[in-house]
Structure formats: structure tokens, C-alpha cells
Amino acid sequence: MLKTIWQKLKERMKAPGEHEPFVTFIQVAKENPDIRNAIVAILKKDDFNRESILNTYIEEMRFKGAPESFVSCLTCLLDKNVAQRAVAILDSKENDG
């Protein structure tokens, strides 16, 4: 699933600003129901489990040589407030239909 996210991000990223990769990450998730559902499922877990899953993915992506901008997007989701805001955006009604 994360490989699919990264492929879609690569297609859309240009010369990103500081937050552009994260914004693009969220946009890709909003546009693809499978990706959105997978991310939301992770982010809705309790803090311990969310952080454990994300840390596993972060290490896996680093090991596989994923670009730091993608790893950074995942790292942002370790923050409880960022994760809650991402869920609010990804679960919004405008994503349906």
C-alpha cells in the first residue's frame, strides 16, 4: 500500500515547498479510496498502536531507500495532533462520491 502511495506521490511532486510533500500525500490519499481507508485505519488506532505501525513503515521505507520527503510525511503522522487533523480531512464528507 505504501509503495502505491509513493508511486502516486512521485507522479505529482514537482519542486516542493517545505510542506508540499505532506499536502500532496494527503491529496493522494483523498483521491484514492483504498489509500485513504488504509491511512485512516492506521491513524484511528490508539497512540501506541498508531506510532508502532508508523514507525515500522518508516523504518521499512528507509530500508527500501524511499525518498526522505516520503519518510518525512509518515513521520509527521506520529504527532497526535497531525494525525487527528489528517483523519478529519480524510474522513470529511467531500471525499464521499
N, C-alpha and C. Protein backbone atom coordinates (compact mmCIF):
# COMPACT_ATOMS: atom_id res chain seq x y z
N MET A 1 0.83 -1.19 0.00
CA MET A 1 0.00 0.00 0.00
C MET A 1 0.87 1.26 0.00
N LEU A 2 1.90 1.29 0.85
CA LEU A 2 2.76 2.47 0.90
C LEU A 2 3.54 2.65 -0.40
N LYS A 3 3.86 1.54 -1.06
CA LYS A 3 4.53 1.64 -2.35
C LYS A 3 3.62 2.33 -3.36
N THR A 4 2.34 2.00 -3.33
CA THR A 4 1.37 2.64 -4.21
C THR A 4 1.27 4.13 -3.91
N ILE A 5 1.24 4.48 -2.64
CA ILE A 5 1.18 5.89 -2.25
C ILE A 5 2.41 6.61 -2.80
N TRP A 6 3.58 6.01 -2.60
CA TRP A 6 4.80 6.67 -3.06
C TRP A 6 4.80 6.83 -4.57
N GLN A 7 4.33 5.85 -5.32
CA GLN A 7 4.28 5.95 -6.78
C GLN A 7 3.39 7.11 -7.20
N LYS A 8 2.26 7.25 -6.55
CA LYS A 8 1.35 8.35 -6.88
C LYS A 8 1.94 9.70 -6.48
N LEU A 9 2.63 9.73 -5.34
CA LEU A 9 3.28 10.97 -4.92
C LEU A 9 4.36 11.39 -5.91
N LYS A 10 5.16 10.44 -6.38
CA LYS A 10 6.23 10.75 -7.33
C LYS A 10 5.67 11.37 -8.60
N GLU A 11 4.52 10.89 -9.04
CA GLU A 11 3.89 11.42 -10.25
C GLU A 11 3.49 12.87 -10.08
N ARG A 12 3.17 13.29 -8.88
CA ARG A 12 2.60 14.61 -8.64
C ARG A 12 3.57 15.62 -8.08
N MET A 13 4.68 15.17 -7.50
CA MET A 13 5.61 16.11 -6.86
C MET A 13 6.46 16.83 -7.90
N LYS A 14 6.58 18.11 -7.69
CA LYS A 14 7.46 18.91 -8.52
C LYS A 14 8.52 19.47 -7.57
N ALA A 15 8.86 20.73 -7.66
CA ALA A 15 9.81 21.34 -6.72
C ALA A 15 9.02 21.74 -5.48
N PRO A 16 8.95 20.86 -4.48
CA PRO A 16 8.09 21.10 -3.34
C PRO A 16 8.61 22.16 -2.38
N GLY A 17 7.66 22.85 -1.77
CA GLY A 17 7.98 23.74 -0.67
C GLY A 17 8.12 22.90 0.58
N GLU A 18 8.28 23.54 1.69
CA GLU A 18 8.52 22.82 2.95
C GLU A 18 7.41 21.82 3.28
N HIS A 19 6.15 22.21 3.07
CA HIS A 19 5.02 21.35 3.43
C HIS A 19 4.38 20.69 2.21
N GLU A 20 4.85 21.00 1.04
CA GLU A 20 4.23 20.49 -0.18
C GLU A 20 4.16 18.97 -0.24
N PRO A 21 5.23 18.24 0.14
CA PRO A 21 5.11 16.77 0.10
C PRO A 21 3.98 16.24 0.99
N PHE A 22 3.80 16.82 2.16
CA PHE A 22 2.74 16.35 3.04
C PHE A 22 1.36 16.68 2.47
N VAL A 23 1.23 17.87 1.91
CA VAL A 23 -0.04 18.26 1.28
C VAL A 23 -0.36 17.30 0.13
N THR A 24 0.64 16.99 -0.67
CA THR A 24 0.45 16.06 -1.78
C THR A 24 0.09 14.67 -1.27
N PHE A 25 0.75 14.24 -0.19
CA PHE A 25 0.46 12.95 0.44
C PHE A 25 -1.03 12.87 0.82
N ILE A 26 -1.54 13.91 1.45
CA ILE A 26 -2.95 13.95 1.86
C ILE A 26 -3.86 13.99 0.63
N GLN A 27 -3.50 14.75 -0.39
CA GLN A 27 -4.31 14.83 -1.61
C GLN A 27 -4.41 13.46 -2.29
N VAL A 28 -3.29 12.77 -2.38
CA VAL A 28 -3.30 11.43 -2.98
C VAL A 28 -4.21 10.51 -2.18
N ALA A 29 -4.11 10.58 -0.87
CA ALA A 29 -4.96 9.75 -0.02
C ALA A 29 -6.44 10.09 -0.20
N LYS A 30 -6.75 11.37 -0.34
CA LYS A 30 -8.14 11.78 -0.53
C LYS A 30 -8.70 11.27 -1.85
N GLU A 31 -7.86 11.21 -2.86
CA GLU A 31 -8.31 10.84 -4.20
C GLU A 31 -8.43 9.34 -4.41
N ASN A 32 -7.77 8.55 -3.58
CA ASN A 32 -7.78 7.11 -3.76
C ASN A 32 -8.40 6.45 -2.53
N PRO A 33 -9.63 5.91 -2.68
CA PRO A 33 -10.32 5.34 -1.52
C PRO A 33 -9.55 4.24 -0.79
N ASP A 34 -8.83 3.40 -1.52
CA ASP A 34 -8.08 2.32 -0.87
C ASP A 34 -6.96 2.89 0.00
N ILE A 35 -6.24 3.87 -0.55
CA ILE A 35 -5.16 4.50 0.21
C ILE A 35 -5.75 5.25 1.39
N ARG A 36 -6.81 6.01 1.15
CA ARG A 36 -7.45 6.78 2.22
C ARG A 36 -7.89 5.85 3.36
N ASN A 37 -8.56 4.77 3.01
CA ASN A 37 -9.05 3.85 4.05
C ASN A 37 -7.91 3.23 4.85
N ALA A 38 -6.83 2.89 4.18
CA ALA A 38 -5.69 2.29 4.87
C ALA A 38 -5.05 3.29 5.84
N ILE A 39 -4.86 4.53 5.38
CA ILE A 39 -4.25 5.55 6.24
C ILE A 39 -5.16 5.89 7.41
N VAL A 40 -6.45 6.07 7.14
CA VAL A 40 -7.38 6.41 8.20
C VAL A 40 -7.43 5.28 9.24
N ALA A 41 -7.40 4.04 8.79
CA ALA A 41 -7.43 2.91 9.73
C ALA A 41 -6.22 2.95 10.67
N ILE A 42 -5.07 3.29 10.13
CA ILE A 42 -3.86 3.40 10.96
C ILE A 42 -3.99 4.58 11.92
N LEU A 43 -4.43 5.71 11.40
CA LEU A 43 -4.47 6.93 12.20
C LEU A 43 -5.54 6.90 13.29
N LYS A 44 -6.55 6.07 13.14
CA LYS A 44 -7.61 5.97 14.14
C LYS A 44 -7.24 5.03 15.29
N LYS A 45 -6.12 4.35 15.17
CA LYS A 45 -5.68 3.48 16.25
C LYS A 45 -5.28 4.33 17.46
N ASP A 46 -5.22 3.70 18.62
CA ASP A 46 -4.75 4.42 19.80
C ASP A 46 -3.30 4.85 19.55
N ASP A 47 -2.83 5.80 20.35
CA ASP A 47 -1.50 6.39 20.13
C ASP A 47 -0.39 5.33 20.02
N PHE A 48 -0.38 4.39 20.94
CA PHE A 48 0.69 3.39 20.94
C PHE A 48 0.70 2.59 19.64
N ASN A 49 -0.46 2.10 19.23
CA ASN A 49 -0.52 1.28 18.02
C ASN A 49 -0.27 2.10 16.76
N ARG A 50 -0.80 3.32 16.70
CA ARG A 50 -0.55 4.20 15.55
C ARG A 50 0.95 4.44 15.40
N GLU A 51 1.60 4.79 16.50
CA GLU A 51 3.03 5.06 16.46
C GLU A 51 3.83 3.81 16.12
N SER A 52 3.43 2.66 16.64
CA SER A 52 4.14 1.41 16.34
C SER A 52 4.05 1.07 14.86
N ILE A 53 2.85 1.15 14.30
CA ILE A 53 2.67 0.84 12.88
C ILE A 53 3.44 1.83 12.02
N LEU A 54 3.31 3.10 12.33
CA LEU A 54 4.02 4.11 11.53
C LEU A 54 5.53 3.95 11.63
N ASN A 55 6.04 3.70 12.83
CA ASN A 55 7.49 3.51 12.98
C ASN A 55 7.97 2.30 12.17
N THR A 56 7.17 1.25 12.12
CA THR A 56 7.52 0.09 11.31
C THR A 56 7.59 0.47 9.84
N TYR A 57 6.58 1.19 9.35
CA TYR A 57 6.57 1.63 7.95
C TYR A 57 7.72 2.58 7.65
N ILE A 58 7.99 3.48 8.58
CA ILE A 58 9.09 4.44 8.39
C ILE A 58 10.42 3.71 8.23
N GLU A 59 10.68 2.76 9.10
CA GLU A 59 11.93 2.00 9.00
C GLU A 59 11.97 1.17 7.73
N GLU A 60 10.84 0.58 7.35
CA GLU A 60 10.78 -0.21 6.12
C GLU A 60 11.06 0.67 4.90
N MET A 61 10.47 1.86 4.88
CA MET A 61 10.68 2.76 3.74
C MET A 61 12.12 3.25 3.68
N ARG A 62 12.71 3.52 4.83
CA ARG A 62 14.13 3.92 4.85
C ARG A 62 15.01 2.79 4.33
N PHE A 63 14.73 1.58 4.78
CA PHE A 63 15.49 0.42 4.36
C PHE A 63 15.38 0.22 2.85
N LYS A 64 14.20 0.49 2.29
CA LYS A 64 13.98 0.32 0.85
C LYS A 64 14.46 1.52 0.03
N GLY A 65 15.00 2.52 0.73
CA GLY A 65 15.55 3.67 0.03
C GLY A 65 14.52 4.68 -0.45
N ALA A 66 13.39 4.74 0.21
CA ALA A 66 12.36 5.72 -0.16
C ALA A 66 12.91 7.12 0.05
N PRO A 67 12.50 8.06 -0.79
CA PRO A 67 12.96 9.44 -0.62
C PRO A 67 12.59 9.99 0.76
N GLU A 68 13.45 10.82 1.27
CA GLU A 68 13.25 11.37 2.62
C GLU A 68 11.95 12.17 2.70
N SER A 69 11.53 12.78 1.61
CA SER A 69 10.27 13.55 1.65
C SER A 69 9.08 12.65 1.97
N PHE A 70 9.09 11.42 1.45
CA PHE A 70 8.01 10.48 1.74
C PHE A 70 8.10 10.00 3.19
N VAL A 71 9.29 9.67 3.62
CA VAL A 71 9.50 9.23 5.01
C VAL A 71 9.08 10.35 5.96
N SER A 72 9.37 11.57 5.58
CA SER A 72 9.00 12.72 6.39
C SER A 72 7.48 12.85 6.53
N CYS A 73 6.76 12.54 5.46
CA CYS A 73 5.29 12.57 5.52
C CYS A 73 4.78 11.58 6.56
N LEU A 74 5.35 10.39 6.55
CA LEU A 74 4.94 9.39 7.54
C LEU A 74 5.32 9.83 8.94
N THR A 75 6.48 10.42 9.08
CA THR A 75 6.95 10.88 10.38
C THR A 75 6.02 11.95 10.96
N CYS A 76 5.50 12.81 10.11
CA CYS A 76 4.56 13.85 10.58
C CYS A 76 3.35 13.22 11.26
N LEU A 77 2.93 12.05 10.77
CA LEU A 77 1.74 11.40 11.31
C LEU A 77 1.96 10.78 12.68
N LEU A 78 3.20 10.77 13.16
CA LEU A 78 3.47 10.31 14.52
C LEU A 78 2.92 11.29 15.55
N ASP A 79 2.83 12.56 15.16
CA ASP A 79 2.29 13.59 16.05
C ASP A 79 0.78 13.40 16.17
N LYS A 80 0.30 13.29 17.39
CA LYS A 80 -1.12 13.04 17.64
C LYS A 80 -2.02 14.10 16.99
N ASN A 81 -1.64 15.37 17.12
CA ASN A 81 -2.46 16.44 16.55
C ASN A 81 -2.49 16.40 15.03
N VAL A 82 -1.36 16.11 14.42
CA VAL A 82 -1.30 16.00 12.96
C VAL A 82 -2.15 14.81 12.51
N ALA A 83 -2.04 13.70 13.22
CA ALA A 83 -2.82 12.51 12.88
C ALA A 83 -4.32 12.79 12.99
N GLN A 84 -4.73 13.47 14.05
CA GLN A 84 -6.15 13.80 14.22
C GLN A 84 -6.65 14.71 13.11
N ARG A 85 -5.84 15.70 12.74
CA ARG A 85 -6.23 16.62 11.67
C ARG A 85 -6.30 15.89 10.33
N ALA A 86 -5.35 14.99 10.09
CA ALA A 86 -5.36 14.20 8.84
C ALA A 86 -6.62 13.35 8.76
N VAL A 87 -7.00 12.72 9.87
CA VAL A 87 -8.23 11.92 9.88
C VAL A 87 -9.43 12.80 9.58
N ALA A 88 -9.48 13.98 10.18
CA ALA A 88 -10.60 14.89 9.94
C ALA A 88 -10.69 15.25 8.46
N ILE A 89 -9.56 15.51 7.83
CA ILE A 89 -9.54 15.86 6.41
C ILE A 89 -9.94 14.65 5.55
N LEU A 90 -9.36 13.52 5.86
CA LEU A 90 -9.60 12.32 5.04
C LEU A 90 -10.99 11.74 5.25
N ASP A 91 -11.59 11.97 6.40
CA ASP A 91 -12.94 11.48 6.68
C ASP A 91 -14.04 12.47 6.33
N SER A 92 -13.67 13.63 5.81
CA SER A 92 -14.68 14.66 5.53
C SER A 92 -15.65 14.19 4.45
N LYS A 93 -16.84 14.72 4.49
CA LYS A 93 -17.91 14.32 3.57
C LYS A 93 -17.55 14.53 2.11
N GLU A 94 -16.71 15.53 1.81
CA GLU A 94 -16.36 15.81 0.42
C GLU A 94 -15.59 14.66 -0.23
N ASN A 95 -15.10 13.71 0.55
CA ASN A 95 -14.40 12.55 0.00
C ASN A 95 -15.36 11.51 -0.53
N ASP A 96 -16.61 11.55 -0.08
CA ASP A 96 -17.59 10.57 -0.49
C ASP A 96 -18.16 10.92 -1.85
N GLY A 97 -18.22 9.91 -2.71
CA GLY A 97 -18.84 10.09 -4.02
C GLY A 97 -17.95 10.69 -4.98
